[in-house]
Amino acid sequence: MKKILIVEDVELNLELLVQLLEDDYELVIARDGAMGVEMAAEEMPDLILMDMSLPVLDGWEATRAIKANDKLSHIPVIGLSAHAMSSDRHKALDAGCSDYLTKPLDEALLAEKIHYFLGMD
């Protein structure tokens, strides 16, 4: 079973992601960006769903740290944010995100992106 690291600090958003994904994937959870970087190294997930507005270390910095680590840089990161401006998308991609989705999440689009990045097409 493929493993997904969810880095999310808002309980409602986390619960939604868990409900959507728990039947099909092994899930590991981090509640802030620093923990997300640590969990990525410990768990070696197949994919990371990274909220961009996080405590301790924001999603942009956490993604940069993950992508700077040779052992983790291959892991796709999908940035998640309520910020829908095109500049926010560019900022996430520049930080190393493989893709960027805005909240509220389109569940079908999220599933499509996850399948794509996990090579499940």
PDB file of N, CA and C in Angstrom:
ATOM      1  N   MET A   1       0.844  -1.181   0.000  1.00  0.00           N
ATOM      2  CA  MET A   1       0.000   0.000   0.000  1.00  0.00           C
ATOM      3  C   MET A   1       0.893   1.249   0.000  1.00  0.00           C
ATOM      4  N   LYS A   2       0.559   2.191  -0.852  1.00  0.00           N
ATOM      5  CA  LYS A   2       1.322   3.431  -0.932  1.00  0.00           C
ATOM      6  C   LYS A   2       1.109   4.268   0.324  1.00  0.00           C
ATOM      7  N   LYS A   3       2.159   4.985   0.713  1.00  0.00           N
ATOM      8  CA  LYS A   3       2.128   5.789   1.932  1.00  0.00           C
ATOM      9  C   LYS A   3       2.096   7.274   1.585  1.00  0.00           C
ATOM     10  N   ILE A   4       1.165   7.990   2.210  1.00  0.00           N
ATOM     11  CA  ILE A   4       1.032   9.438   2.022  1.00  0.00           C
ATOM     12  C   ILE A   4       1.236  10.129   3.363  1.00  0.00           C
ATOM     13  N   LEU A   5       2.115  11.132   3.371  1.00  0.00           N
ATOM     14  CA  LEU A   5       2.303  12.001   4.524  1.00  0.00           C
ATOM     15  C   LEU A   5       1.412  13.223   4.335  1.00  0.00           C
ATOM     16  N   ILE A   6       0.528  13.448   5.291  1.00  0.00           N
ATOM     17  CA  ILE A   6      -0.327  14.636   5.280  1.00  0.00           C
ATOM     18  C   ILE A   6       0.236  15.608   6.303  1.00  0.00           C
ATOM     19  N   VAL A   7       0.590  16.812   5.846  1.00  0.00           N
ATOM     20  CA  VAL A   7       1.093  17.855   6.745  1.00  0.00           C
ATOM     21  C   VAL A   7       0.026  18.947   6.783  1.00  0.00           C
ATOM     22  N   GLU A   8      -0.736  18.952   7.867  1.00  0.00           N
ATOM     23  CA  GLU A   8      -1.908  19.827   7.983  1.00  0.00           C
ATOM     24  C   GLU A   8      -2.153  20.129   9.455  1.00  0.00           C
ATOM     25  N   ASP A   9      -2.406  21.405   9.776  1.00  0.00           N
ATOM     26  CA  ASP A   9      -2.622  21.789  11.172  1.00  0.00           C
ATOM     27  C   ASP A   9      -4.079  22.072  11.510  1.00  0.00           C
ATOM     28  N   VAL A  10      -4.941  22.206  10.526  1.00  0.00           N
ATOM     29  CA  VAL A  10      -6.354  22.496  10.782  1.00  0.00           C
ATOM     30  C   VAL A  10      -7.123  21.173  10.861  1.00  0.00           C
ATOM     31  N   GLU A  11      -7.705  20.921  12.016  1.00  0.00           N
ATOM     32  CA  GLU A  11      -8.355  19.634  12.295  1.00  0.00           C
ATOM     33  C   GLU A  11      -9.405  19.267  11.247  1.00  0.00           C
ATOM     34  N   LEU A  12     -10.251  20.201  10.867  1.00  0.00           N
ATOM     35  CA  LEU A  12     -11.307  19.911   9.894  1.00  0.00           C
ATOM     36  C   LEU A  12     -10.724  19.482   8.544  1.00  0.00           C
ATOM     37  N   ASN A  13      -9.696  20.182   8.090  1.00  0.00           N
ATOM     38  CA  ASN A  13      -9.044  19.827   6.825  1.00  0.00           C
ATOM     39  C   ASN A  13      -8.375  18.460   6.921  1.00  0.00           C
ATOM     40  N   LEU A  14      -7.755  18.195   8.043  1.00  0.00           N
ATOM     41  CA  LEU A  14      -7.098  16.908   8.262  1.00  0.00           C
ATOM     42  C   LEU A  14      -8.114  15.771   8.253  1.00  0.00           C
ATOM     43  N   GLU A  15      -9.226  15.971   8.953  1.00  0.00           N
ATOM     44  CA  GLU A  15     -10.264  14.938   9.003  1.00  0.00           C
ATOM     45  C   GLU A  15     -10.800  14.630   7.608  1.00  0.00           C
ATOM     46  N   LEU A  16     -11.002  15.656   6.796  1.00  0.00           N
ATOM     47  CA  LEU A  16     -11.490  15.459   5.433  1.00  0.00           C
ATOM     48  C   LEU A  16     -10.503  14.627   4.617  1.00  0.00           C
ATOM     49  N   LEU A  17      -9.229  14.985   4.680  1.00  0.00           N
ATOM     50  CA  LEU A  17      -8.210  14.244   3.927  1.00  0.00           C
ATOM     51  C   LEU A  17      -8.125  12.790   4.393  1.00  0.00           C
ATOM     52  N   VAL A  18      -8.180  12.577   5.696  1.00  0.00           N
ATOM     53  CA  VAL A  18      -8.121  11.213   6.218  1.00  0.00           C
ATOM     54  C   VAL A  18      -9.333  10.413   5.717  1.00  0.00           C
ATOM     55  N   GLN A  19     -10.515  11.000   5.786  1.00  0.00           N
ATOM     56  CA  GLN A  19     -11.720  10.313   5.312  1.00  0.00           C
ATOM     57  C   GLN A  19     -11.608   9.939   3.836  1.00  0.00           C
ATOM     58  N   LEU A  20     -11.072  10.842   3.050  1.00  0.00           N
ATOM     59  CA  LEU A  20     -10.953  10.595   1.608  1.00  0.00           C
ATOM     60  C   LEU A  20      -9.928   9.514   1.273  1.00  0.00           C
ATOM     61  N   LEU A  21      -8.869   9.405   2.072  1.00  0.00           N
ATOM     62  CA  LEU A  21      -7.713   8.601   1.682  1.00  0.00           C
ATOM     63  C   LEU A  21      -7.469   7.339   2.500  1.00  0.00           C
ATOM     64  N   GLU A  22      -8.026   7.236   3.685  1.00  0.00           N
ATOM     65  CA  GLU A  22      -7.633   6.161   4.599  1.00  0.00           C
ATOM     66  C   GLU A  22      -7.921   4.749   4.089  1.00  0.00           C
ATOM     67  N   ASP A  23      -8.894   4.580   3.224  1.00  0.00           N
ATOM     68  CA  ASP A  23      -9.204   3.236   2.727  1.00  0.00           C
ATOM     69  C   ASP A  23      -8.214   2.744   1.679  1.00  0.00           C
ATOM     70  N   ASP A  24      -7.557   3.679   1.007  1.00  0.00           N
ATOM     71  CA  ASP A  24      -6.705   3.311  -0.125  1.00  0.00           C
ATOM     72  C   ASP A  24      -5.211   3.484   0.106  1.00  0.00           C
ATOM     73  N   TYR A  25      -4.846   4.196   1.170  1.00  0.00           N
ATOM     74  CA  TYR A  25      -3.434   4.512   1.397  1.00  0.00           C
ATOM     75  C   TYR A  25      -3.086   4.372   2.878  1.00  0.00           C
ATOM     76  N   GLU A  26      -1.811   4.111   3.133  1.00  0.00           N
ATOM     77  CA  GLU A  26      -1.302   4.202   4.497  1.00  0.00           C
ATOM     78  C   GLU A  26      -1.029   5.681   4.747  1.00  0.00           C
ATOM     79  N   LEU A  27      -1.590   6.233   5.815  1.00  0.00           N
ATOM     80  CA  LEU A  27      -1.443   7.663   6.088  1.00  0.00           C
ATOM     81  C   LEU A  27      -0.578   7.891   7.320  1.00  0.00           C
ATOM     82  N   VAL A  28       0.295   8.885   7.221  1.00  0.00           N
ATOM     83  CA  VAL A  28       1.036   9.390   8.369  1.00  0.00           C
ATOM     84  C   VAL A  28       0.764  10.889   8.430  1.00  0.00           C
ATOM     85  N   ILE A  29       0.726  11.424   9.639  1.00  0.00           N
ATOM     86  CA  ILE A  29       0.270  12.798   9.847  1.00  0.00           C
ATOM     87  C   ILE A  29       1.325  13.620  10.566  1.00  0.00           C
ATOM     88  N   ALA A  30       1.490  14.845  10.100  1.00  0.00           N
ATOM     89  CA  ALA A  30       2.321  15.840  10.803  1.00  0.00           C
ATOM     90  C   ALA A  30       1.475  17.094  10.949  1.00  0.00           C
ATOM     91  N   ARG A  31       1.624  17.771  12.080  1.00  0.00           N
ATOM     92  CA  ARG A  31       0.786  18.937  12.384  1.00  0.00           C
ATOM     93  C   ARG A  31       1.478  20.279  12.155  1.00  0.00           C
ATOM     94  N   ASP A  32       2.770  20.267  11.835  1.00  0.00           N
ATOM     95  CA  ASP A  32       3.473  21.512  11.507  1.00  0.00           C
ATOM     96  C   ASP A  32       4.569  21.197  10.506  1.00  0.00           C
ATOM     97  N   GLY A  33       5.143  22.238   9.918  1.00  0.00           N
ATOM     98  CA  GLY A  33       6.136  22.041   8.876  1.00  0.00           C
ATOM     99  C   GLY A  33       7.405  21.350   9.337  1.00  0.00           C
ATOM    100  N   ALA A  34       7.871  21.689  10.521  1.00  0.00           N
ATOM    101  CA  ALA A  34       9.093  21.050  11.033  1.00  0.00           C
ATOM    102  C   ALA A  34       8.863  19.557  11.248  1.00  0.00           C
ATOM    103  N   MET A  35       7.706  19.213  11.808  1.00  0.00           N
ATOM    104  CA  MET A  35       7.373  17.806  11.998  1.00  0.00           C
ATOM    105  C   MET A  35       7.206  17.117  10.636  1.00  0.00           C
ATOM    106  N   GLY A  36       6.702  17.845   9.652  1.00  0.00           N
ATOM    107  CA  GLY A  36       6.555  17.293   8.312  1.00  0.00           C
ATOM    108  C   GLY A  36       7.893  16.892   7.709  1.00  0.00           C
ATOM    109  N   VAL A  37       8.889  17.740   7.878  1.00  0.00           N
ATOM    110  CA  VAL A  37      10.235  17.427   7.368  1.00  0.00           C
ATOM    111  C   VAL A  37      10.786  16.206   8.103  1.00  0.00           C
ATOM    112  N   GLU A  38      10.612  16.179   9.416  1.00  0.00           N
ATOM    113  CA  GLU A  38      11.096  15.061  10.227  1.00  0.00           C
ATOM    114  C   GLU A  38      10.388  13.755   9.844  1.00  0.00           C
ATOM    115  N   MET A  39       9.071  13.816   9.697  1.00  0.00           N
ATOM    116  CA  MET A  39       8.296  12.618   9.347  1.00  0.00           C
ATOM    117  C   MET A  39       8.616  12.132   7.935  1.00  0.00           C
ATOM    118  N   ALA A  40       8.900  13.049   7.035  1.00  0.00           N
ATOM    119  CA  ALA A  40       9.280  12.642   5.675  1.00  0.00           C
ATOM    120  C   ALA A  40      10.544  11.785   5.722  1.00  0.00           C
ATOM    121  N   ALA A  41      11.519  12.207   6.523  1.00  0.00           N
ATOM    122  CA  ALA A  41      12.771  11.458   6.640  1.00  0.00           C
ATOM    123  C   ALA A  41      12.571  10.120   7.337  1.00  0.00           C
ATOM    124  N   GLU A  42      11.721  10.084   8.355  1.00  0.00           N
ATOM    125  CA  GLU A  42      11.488   8.850   9.109  1.00  0.00           C
ATOM    126  C   GLU A  42      10.629   7.849   8.345  1.00  0.00           C
ATOM    127  N   GLU A  43       9.601   8.337   7.686  1.00  0.00           N
ATOM    128  CA  GLU A  43       8.592   7.468   7.085  1.00  0.00           C
ATOM    129  C   GLU A  43       8.817   7.176   5.595  1.00  0.00           C
ATOM    130  N   MET A  44       9.590   8.012   4.923  1.00  0.00           N
ATOM    131  CA  MET A  44       9.841   7.858   3.488  1.00  0.00           C
ATOM    132  C   MET A  44       8.537   7.612   2.709  1.00  0.00           C
ATOM    133  N   PRO A  45       7.613   8.566   2.762  1.00  0.00           N
ATOM    134  CA  PRO A  45       6.326   8.376   2.081  1.00  0.00           C
ATOM    135  C   PRO A  45       6.492   8.394   0.564  1.00  0.00           C
ATOM    136  N   ASP A  46       5.471   7.906  -0.125  1.00  0.00           N
ATOM    137  CA  ASP A  46       5.462   7.921  -1.585  1.00  0.00           C
ATOM    138  C   ASP A  46       4.994   9.265  -2.120  1.00  0.00           C
ATOM    139  N   LEU A  47       4.292  10.036  -1.276  1.00  0.00           N
ATOM    140  CA  LEU A  47       3.728  11.326  -1.666  1.00  0.00           C
ATOM    141  C   LEU A  47       3.510  12.146  -0.406  1.00  0.00           C
ATOM    142  N   ILE A  48       3.618  13.468  -0.538  1.00  0.00           N
ATOM    143  CA  ILE A  48       3.349  14.370   0.586  1.00  0.00           C
ATOM    144  C   ILE A  48       2.278  15.370   0.166  1.00  0.00           C
ATOM    145  N   LEU A  49       1.243  15.506   1.007  1.00  0.00           N
ATOM    146  CA  LEU A  49       0.247  16.567   0.856  1.00  0.00           C
ATOM    147  C   LEU A  49       0.612  17.628   1.880  1.00  0.00           C
ATOM    148  N   MET A  50       1.036  18.793   1.406  1.00  0.00           N
ATOM    149  CA  MET A  50       1.622  19.823   2.262  1.00  0.00           C
ATOM    150  C   MET A  50       0.760  21.083   2.284  1.00  0.00           C
ATOM    151  N   ASP A  51       0.140  21.350   3.439  1.00  0.00           N
ATOM    152  CA  ASP A  51      -0.523  22.638   3.622  1.00  0.00           C
ATOM    153  C   ASP A  51       0.574  23.698   3.589  1.00  0.00           C
ATOM    154  N   MET A  52       0.272  24.852   3.032  1.00  0.00           N
ATOM    155  CA  MET A  52       1.309  25.877   2.916  1.00  0.00           C
ATOM    156  C   MET A  52       1.330  26.824   4.124  1.00  0.00           C
ATOM    157  N   SER A  53       0.204  26.965   4.814  1.00  0.00           N
ATOM    158  CA  SER A  53       0.133  27.854   5.985  1.00  0.00           C
ATOM    159  C   SER A  53       0.200  26.998   7.250  1.00  0.00           C
ATOM    160  N   LEU A  54       1.413  26.780   7.730  1.00  0.00           N
ATOM    161  CA  LEU A  54       1.654  25.893   8.868  1.00  0.00           C
ATOM    162  C   LEU A  54       2.407  26.620   9.976  1.00  0.00           C
ATOM    163  N   PRO A  55       2.217  26.167  11.223  1.00  0.00           N
ATOM    164  CA  PRO A  55       3.030  26.721  12.309  1.00  0.00           C
ATOM    165  C   PRO A  55       4.444  26.140  12.297  1.00  0.00           C
ATOM    166  N   VAL A  56       5.313  26.739  13.045  1.00  0.00           N
ATOM    167  CA  VAL A  56       6.716  26.372  13.252  1.00  0.00           C
ATOM    168  C   VAL A  56       7.536  26.616  11.981  1.00  0.00           C
ATOM    169  N   LEU A  57       7.217  25.918  10.910  1.00  0.00           N
ATOM    170  CA  LEU A  57       7.898  26.062   9.620  1.00  0.00           C
ATOM    171  C   LEU A  57       6.789  26.008   8.576  1.00  0.00           C
ATOM    172  N   ASP A  58       6.645  27.071   7.758  1.00  0.00           N
ATOM    173  CA  ASP A  58       5.540  27.060   6.799  1.00  0.00           C
ATOM    174  C   ASP A  58       5.781  26.029   5.696  1.00  0.00           C
ATOM    175  N   GLY A  59       4.763  25.781   4.908  1.00  0.00           N
ATOM    176  CA  GLY A  59       4.832  24.750   3.881  1.00  0.00           C
ATOM    177  C   GLY A  59       5.879  25.014   2.812  1.00  0.00           C
ATOM    178  N   TRP A  60       6.130  26.289   2.522  1.00  0.00           N
ATOM    179  CA  TRP A  60       7.146  26.620   1.524  1.00  0.00           C
ATOM    180  C   TRP A  60       8.536  26.232   2.035  1.00  0.00           C
ATOM    181  N   GLU A  61       8.828  26.600   3.268  1.00  0.00           N
ATOM    182  CA  GLU A  61      10.137  26.271   3.851  1.00  0.00           C
ATOM    183  C   GLU A  61      10.283  24.773   4.076  1.00  0.00           C
ATOM    184  N   ALA A  62       9.207  24.119   4.522  1.00  0.00           N
ATOM    185  CA  ALA A  62       9.260  22.670   4.731  1.00  0.00           C
ATOM    186  C   ALA A  62       9.517  21.953   3.408  1.00  0.00           C
ATOM    187  N   THR A  63       8.859  22.398   2.354  1.00  0.00           N
ATOM    188  CA  THR A  63       9.070  21.783   1.032  1.00  0.00           C
ATOM    189  C   THR A  63      10.506  22.007   0.567  1.00  0.00           C
ATOM    190  N   ARG A  64      11.019  23.216   0.756  1.00  0.00           N
ATOM    191  CA  ARG A  64      12.417  23.484   0.376  1.00  0.00           C
ATOM    192  C   ARG A  64      13.372  22.559   1.123  1.00  0.00           C
ATOM    193  N   ALA A  65      13.123  22.352   2.416  1.00  0.00           N
ATOM    194  CA  ALA A  65      13.985  21.479   3.220  1.00  0.00           C
ATOM    195  C   ALA A  65      13.916  20.035   2.724  1.00  0.00           C
ATOM    196  N   ILE A  66      12.733  19.575   2.383  1.00  0.00           N
ATOM    197  CA  ILE A  66      12.569  18.214   1.863  1.00  0.00           C
ATOM    198  C   ILE A  66      13.288  18.076   0.523  1.00  0.00           C
ATOM    199  N   LYS A  67      13.114  19.033  -0.340  1.00  0.00           N
ATOM    200  CA  LYS A  67      13.718  18.965  -1.676  1.00  0.00           C
ATOM    201  C   LYS A  67      15.238  19.136  -1.629  1.00  0.00           C
ATOM    202  N   ALA A  68      15.758  19.746  -0.563  1.00  0.00           N
ATOM    203  CA  ALA A  68      17.206  19.927  -0.410  1.00  0.00           C
ATOM    204  C   ALA A  68      17.886  18.663   0.113  1.00  0.00           C
ATOM    205  N   ASN A  69      17.106  17.706   0.591  1.00  0.00           N
ATOM    206  CA  ASN A  69      17.643  16.465   1.131  1.00  0.00           C
ATOM    207  C   ASN A  69      17.676  15.421   0.010  1.00  0.00           C
ATOM    208  N   ASP A  70      18.871  14.965  -0.355  1.00  0.00           N
ATOM    209  CA  ASP A  70      19.010  14.017  -1.465  1.00  0.00           C
ATOM    210  C   ASP A  70      18.191  12.748  -1.278  1.00  0.00           C
ATOM    211  N   LYS A  71      17.981  12.318  -0.044  1.00  0.00           N
ATOM    212  CA  LYS A  71      17.215  11.094   0.218  1.00  0.00           C
ATOM    213  C   LYS A  71      15.714  11.313   0.072  1.00  0.00           C
ATOM    214  N   LEU A  72      15.268  12.576   0.102  1.00  0.00           N
ATOM    215  CA  LEU A  72      13.840  12.893   0.055  1.00  0.00           C
ATOM    216  C   LEU A  72      13.411  13.633  -1.205  1.00  0.00           C
ATOM    217  N   SER A  73      14.357  14.170  -1.933  1.00  0.00           N
ATOM    218  CA  SER A  73      14.024  15.087  -3.027  1.00  0.00           C
ATOM    219  C   SER A  73      13.161  14.469  -4.122  1.00  0.00           C
ATOM    220  N   HIS A  74      13.155  13.137  -4.223  1.00  0.00           N
ATOM    221  CA  HIS A  74      12.359  12.468  -5.261  1.00  0.00           C
ATOM    222  C   HIS A  74      10.867  12.382  -4.905  1.00  0.00           C
ATOM    223  N   ILE A  75      10.521  12.637  -3.655  1.00  0.00           N
ATOM    224  CA  ILE A  75       9.132  12.488  -3.209  1.00  0.00           C
ATOM    225  C   ILE A  75       8.291  13.650  -3.742  1.00  0.00           C
ATOM    226  N   PRO A  76       7.211  13.348  -4.478  1.00  0.00           N
ATOM    227  CA  PRO A  76       6.350  14.433  -4.955  1.00  0.00           C
ATOM    228  C   PRO A  76       5.619  15.101  -3.786  1.00  0.00           C
ATOM    229  N   VAL A  77       5.526  16.425  -3.860  1.00  0.00           N
ATOM    230  CA  VAL A  77       4.821  17.213  -2.850  1.00  0.00           C
ATOM    231  C   VAL A  77       3.705  17.972  -3.551  1.00  0.00           C
ATOM    232  N   ILE A  78       2.479  17.756  -3.092  1.00  0.00           N
ATOM    233  CA  ILE A  78       1.355  18.538  -3.595  1.00  0.00           C
ATOM    234  C   ILE A  78       1.035  19.591  -2.545  1.00  0.00           C
ATOM    235  N   GLY A  79       1.210  20.861  -2.916  1.00  0.00           N
ATOM    236  CA  GLY A  79       0.908  21.964  -2.013  1.00  0.00           C
ATOM    237  C   GLY A  79      -0.594  22.181  -1.939  1.00  0.00           C
ATOM    238  N   LEU A  80      -1.089  22.447  -0.738  1.00  0.00           N
ATOM    239  CA  LEU A  80      -2.512  22.705  -0.512  1.00  0.00           C
ATOM    240  C   LEU A  80      -2.654  24.045   0.190  1.00  0.00           C
ATOM    241  N   SER A  81      -3.555  24.893  -0.321  1.00  0.00           N
ATOM    242  CA  SER A  81      -3.706  26.205   0.300  1.00  0.00           C
ATOM    243  C   SER A  81      -5.037  26.834  -0.060  1.00  0.00           C
ATOM    244  N   ALA A  82      -5.528  27.678   0.819  1.00  0.00           N
ATOM    245  CA  ALA A  82      -6.722  28.468   0.525  1.00  0.00           C
ATOM    246  C   ALA A  82      -6.380  29.657  -0.366  1.00  0.00           C
ATOM    247  N   HIS A  83      -5.097  29.939  -0.528  1.00  0.00           N
ATOM    248  CA  HIS A  83      -4.654  31.063  -1.359  1.00  0.00           C
ATOM    249  C   HIS A  83      -4.739  30.669  -2.831  1.00  0.00           C
ATOM    250  N   ALA A  84      -5.599  31.372  -3.576  1.00  0.00           N
ATOM    251  CA  ALA A  84      -5.887  30.966  -4.948  1.00  0.00           C
ATOM    252  C   ALA A  84      -5.270  31.873  -6.016  1.00  0.00           C
ATOM    253  N   MET A  85      -4.419  32.789  -5.622  1.00  0.00           N
ATOM    254  CA  MET A  85      -3.786  33.669  -6.602  1.00  0.00           C
ATOM    255  C   MET A  85      -2.735  32.896  -7.392  1.00  0.00           C
ATOM    256  N   SER A  86      -2.552  33.258  -8.651  1.00  0.00           N
ATOM    257  CA  SER A  86      -1.556  32.555  -9.469  1.00  0.00           C
ATOM    258  C   SER A  86      -0.160  32.723  -8.891  1.00  0.00           C
ATOM    259  N   SER A  87       0.100  33.843  -8.212  1.00  0.00           N
ATOM    260  CA  SER A  87       1.415  34.046  -7.602  1.00  0.00           C
ATOM    261  C   SER A  87       1.654  33.036  -6.476  1.00  0.00           C
ATOM    262  N   ASP A  88       0.590  32.617  -5.777  1.00  0.00           N
ATOM    263  CA  ASP A  88       0.724  31.606  -4.714  1.00  0.00           C
ATOM    264  C   ASP A  88       1.111  30.266  -5.326  1.00  0.00           C
ATOM    265  N   ARG A  89       0.496  29.925  -6.451  1.00  0.00           N
ATOM    266  CA  ARG A  89       0.832  28.679  -7.147  1.00  0.00           C
ATOM    267  C   ARG A  89       2.299  28.706  -7.574  1.00  0.00           C
ATOM    268  N   HIS A  90       2.725  29.818  -8.161  1.00  0.00           N
ATOM    269  CA  HIS A  90       4.121  29.940  -8.613  1.00  0.00           C
ATOM    270  C   HIS A  90       5.094  29.850  -7.438  1.00  0.00           C
ATOM    271  N   LYS A  91       4.722  30.473  -6.326  1.00  0.00           N
ATOM    272  CA  LYS A  91       5.582  30.425  -5.139  1.00  0.00           C
ATOM    273  C   LYS A  91       5.737  28.982  -4.655  1.00  0.00           C
ATOM    274  N   ALA A  92       4.641  28.217  -4.664  1.00  0.00           N
ATOM    275  CA  ALA A  92       4.690  26.814  -4.225  1.00  0.00           C
ATOM    276  C   ALA A  92       5.539  25.978  -5.186  1.00  0.00           C
ATOM    277  N   LEU A  93       5.357  26.174  -6.471  1.00  0.00           N
ATOM    278  CA  LEU A  93       6.137  25.420  -7.455  1.00  0.00           C
ATOM    279  C   LEU A  93       7.616  25.789  -7.355  1.00  0.00           C
ATOM    280  N   ASP A  94       7.905  27.059  -7.142  1.00  0.00           N
ATOM    281  CA  ASP A  94       9.294  27.501  -6.978  1.00  0.00           C
ATOM    282  C   ASP A  94       9.935  26.888  -5.726  1.00  0.00           C
ATOM    283  N   ALA A  95       9.134  26.635  -4.698  1.00  0.00           N
ATOM    284  CA  ALA A  95       9.643  26.027  -3.469  1.00  0.00           C
ATOM    285  C   ALA A  95       9.930  24.534  -3.650  1.00  0.00           C
ATOM    286  N   GLY A  96       9.411  23.955  -4.737  1.00  0.00           N
ATOM    287  CA  GLY A  96       9.668  22.539  -5.005  1.00  0.00           C
ATOM    288  C   GLY A  96       8.433  21.663  -5.061  1.00  0.00           C
ATOM    289  N   CYS A  97       7.250  22.259  -4.865  1.00  0.00           N
ATOM    290  CA  CYS A  97       6.028  21.462  -4.975  1.00  0.00           C
ATOM    291  C   CYS A  97       5.877  20.946  -6.403  1.00  0.00           C
ATOM    292  N   SER A  98       5.401  19.729  -6.525  1.00  0.00           N
ATOM    293  CA  SER A  98       5.158  19.133  -7.838  1.00  0.00           C
ATOM    294  C   SER A  98       3.861  19.658  -8.436  1.00  0.00           C
ATOM    295  N   ASP A  99       2.932  20.041  -7.579  1.00  0.00           N
ATOM    296  CA  ASP A  99       1.653  20.590  -8.004  1.00  0.00           C
ATOM    297  C   ASP A  99       1.084  21.394  -6.852  1.00  0.00           C
ATOM    298  N   TYR A 100      -0.040  22.066  -7.100  1.00  0.00           N
ATOM    299  CA  TYR A 100      -0.627  22.966  -6.111  1.00  0.00           C
ATOM    300  C   TYR A 100      -2.129  22.941  -6.286  1.00  0.00           C
ATOM    301  N   LEU A 101      -2.854  22.661  -5.222  1.00  0.00           N
ATOM    302  CA  LEU A 101      -4.311  22.650  -5.258  1.00  0.00           C
ATOM    303  C   LEU A 101      -4.845  23.628  -4.224  1.00  0.00           C
ATOM    304  N   THR A 102      -5.944  24.296  -4.575  1.00  0.00           N
ATOM    305  CA  THR A 102      -6.534  25.261  -3.649  1.00  0.00           C
ATOM    306  C   THR A 102      -7.692  24.634  -2.880  1.00  0.00           C
ATOM    307  N   LYS A 103      -7.876  25.154  -1.675  1.00  0.00           N
ATOM    308  CA  LYS A 103      -8.978  24.736  -0.818  1.00  0.00           C
ATOM    309  C   LYS A 103     -10.150  25.698  -1.030  1.00  0.00           C
ATOM    310  N   PRO A 104     -11.381  25.234  -0.917  1.00  0.00           N
ATOM    311  CA  PRO A 104     -11.758  23.861  -0.611  1.00  0.00           C
ATOM    312  C   PRO A 104     -11.341  22.923  -1.749  1.00  0.00           C
ATOM    313  N   LEU A 105     -10.905  21.736  -1.373  1.00  0.00           N
ATOM    314  CA  LEU A 105     -10.366  20.795  -2.347  1.00  0.00           C
ATOM    315  C   LEU A 105     -11.450  20.197  -3.222  1.00  0.00           C
ATOM    316  N   ASP A 106     -11.143  20.080  -4.495  1.00  0.00           N
ATOM    317  CA  ASP A 106     -11.960  19.330  -5.440  1.00  0.00           C
ATOM    318  C   ASP A 106     -11.519  17.874  -5.269  1.00  0.00           C
ATOM    319  N   GLU A 107     -12.382  17.049  -4.692  1.00  0.00           N
ATOM    320  CA  GLU A 107     -12.005  15.681  -4.339  1.00  0.00           C
ATOM    321  C   GLU A 107     -11.584  14.855  -5.558  1.00  0.00           C
ATOM    322  N   ALA A 108     -12.291  15.024  -6.672  1.00  0.00           N
ATOM    323  CA  ALA A 108     -11.949  14.269  -7.887  1.00  0.00           C
ATOM    324  C   ALA A 108     -10.585  14.701  -8.418  1.00  0.00           C
ATOM    325  N   LEU A 109     -10.321  16.003  -8.391  1.00  0.00           N
ATOM    326  CA  LEU A 109      -9.020  16.505  -8.862  1.00  0.00           C
ATOM    327  C   LEU A 109      -7.901  16.033  -7.940  1.00  0.00           C
ATOM    328  N   LEU A 110      -8.137  16.046  -6.634  1.00  0.00           N
ATOM    329  CA  LEU A 110      -7.140  15.546  -5.693  1.00  0.00           C
ATOM    330  C   LEU A 110      -6.828  14.083  -5.987  1.00  0.00           C
ATOM    331  N   ALA A 111      -7.853  13.267  -6.167  1.00  0.00           N
ATOM    332  CA  ALA A 111      -7.651  11.845  -6.465  1.00  0.00           C
ATOM    333  C   ALA A 111      -6.864  11.665  -7.760  1.00  0.00           C
ATOM    334  N   GLU A 112      -7.188  12.467  -8.762  1.00  0.00           N
ATOM    335  CA  GLU A 112      -6.483  12.405 -10.050  1.00  0.00           C
ATOM    336  C   GLU A 112      -5.001  12.739  -9.884  1.00  0.00           C
ATOM    337  N   LYS A 113      -4.719  13.790  -9.134  1.00  0.00           N
ATOM    338  CA  LYS A 113      -3.316  14.199  -8.913  1.00  0.00           C
ATOM    339  C   LYS A 113      -2.554  13.136  -8.125  1.00  0.00           C
ATOM    340  N   ILE A 114      -3.194  12.591  -7.092  1.00  0.00           N
ATOM    341  CA  ILE A 114      -2.528  11.547  -6.296  1.00  0.00           C
ATOM    342  C   ILE A 114      -2.207  10.346  -7.175  1.00  0.00           C
ATOM    343  N   HIS A 115      -3.169   9.901  -7.964  1.00  0.00           N
ATOM    344  CA  HIS A 115      -2.933   8.757  -8.863  1.00  0.00           C
ATOM    345  C   HIS A 115      -1.807   9.055  -9.831  1.00  0.00           C
ATOM    346  N   TYR A 116      -1.795  10.261 -10.364  1.00  0.00           N
ATOM    347  CA  TYR A 116      -0.748  10.645 -11.315  1.00  0.00           C
ATOM    348  C   TYR A 116       0.631  10.571 -10.657  1.00  0.00           C
ATOM    349  N   PHE A 117       0.787  11.196  -9.499  1.00  0.00           N
ATOM    350  CA  PHE A 117       2.106  11.258  -8.875  1.00  0.00           C
ATOM    351  C   PHE A 117       2.554   9.933  -8.272  1.00  0.00           C
ATOM    352  N   LEU A 118       1.595   9.050  -8.008  1.00  0.00           N
ATOM    353  CA  LEU A 118       1.957   7.728  -7.512  1.00  0.00           C
ATOM    354  C   LEU A 118       2.095   6.716  -8.663  1.00  0.00           C
ATOM    355  N   GLY A 119       1.965   7.202  -9.903  1.00  0.00           N
ATOM    356  CA  GLY A 119       2.127   6.322 -11.059  1.00  0.00           C
ATOM    357  C   GLY A 119       1.029   5.284 -11.171  1.00  0.00           C
ATOM    358  N   MET A 120      -0.182   5.678 -10.768  1.00  0.00           N
ATOM    359  CA  MET A 120      -1.300   4.743 -10.755  1.00  0.00           C
ATOM    360  C   MET A 120      -2.270   4.963 -11.902  1.00  0.00           C
ATOM    361  N   ASP A 121      -1.865   5.708 -12.898  1.00  0.00           N
ATOM    362  CA  ASP A 121      -2.771   5.974 -14.038  1.00  0.00           C
ATOM    363  C   ASP A 121      -2.999   4.737 -14.866  1.00  0.00           C
TER     364      ASP A 121
END
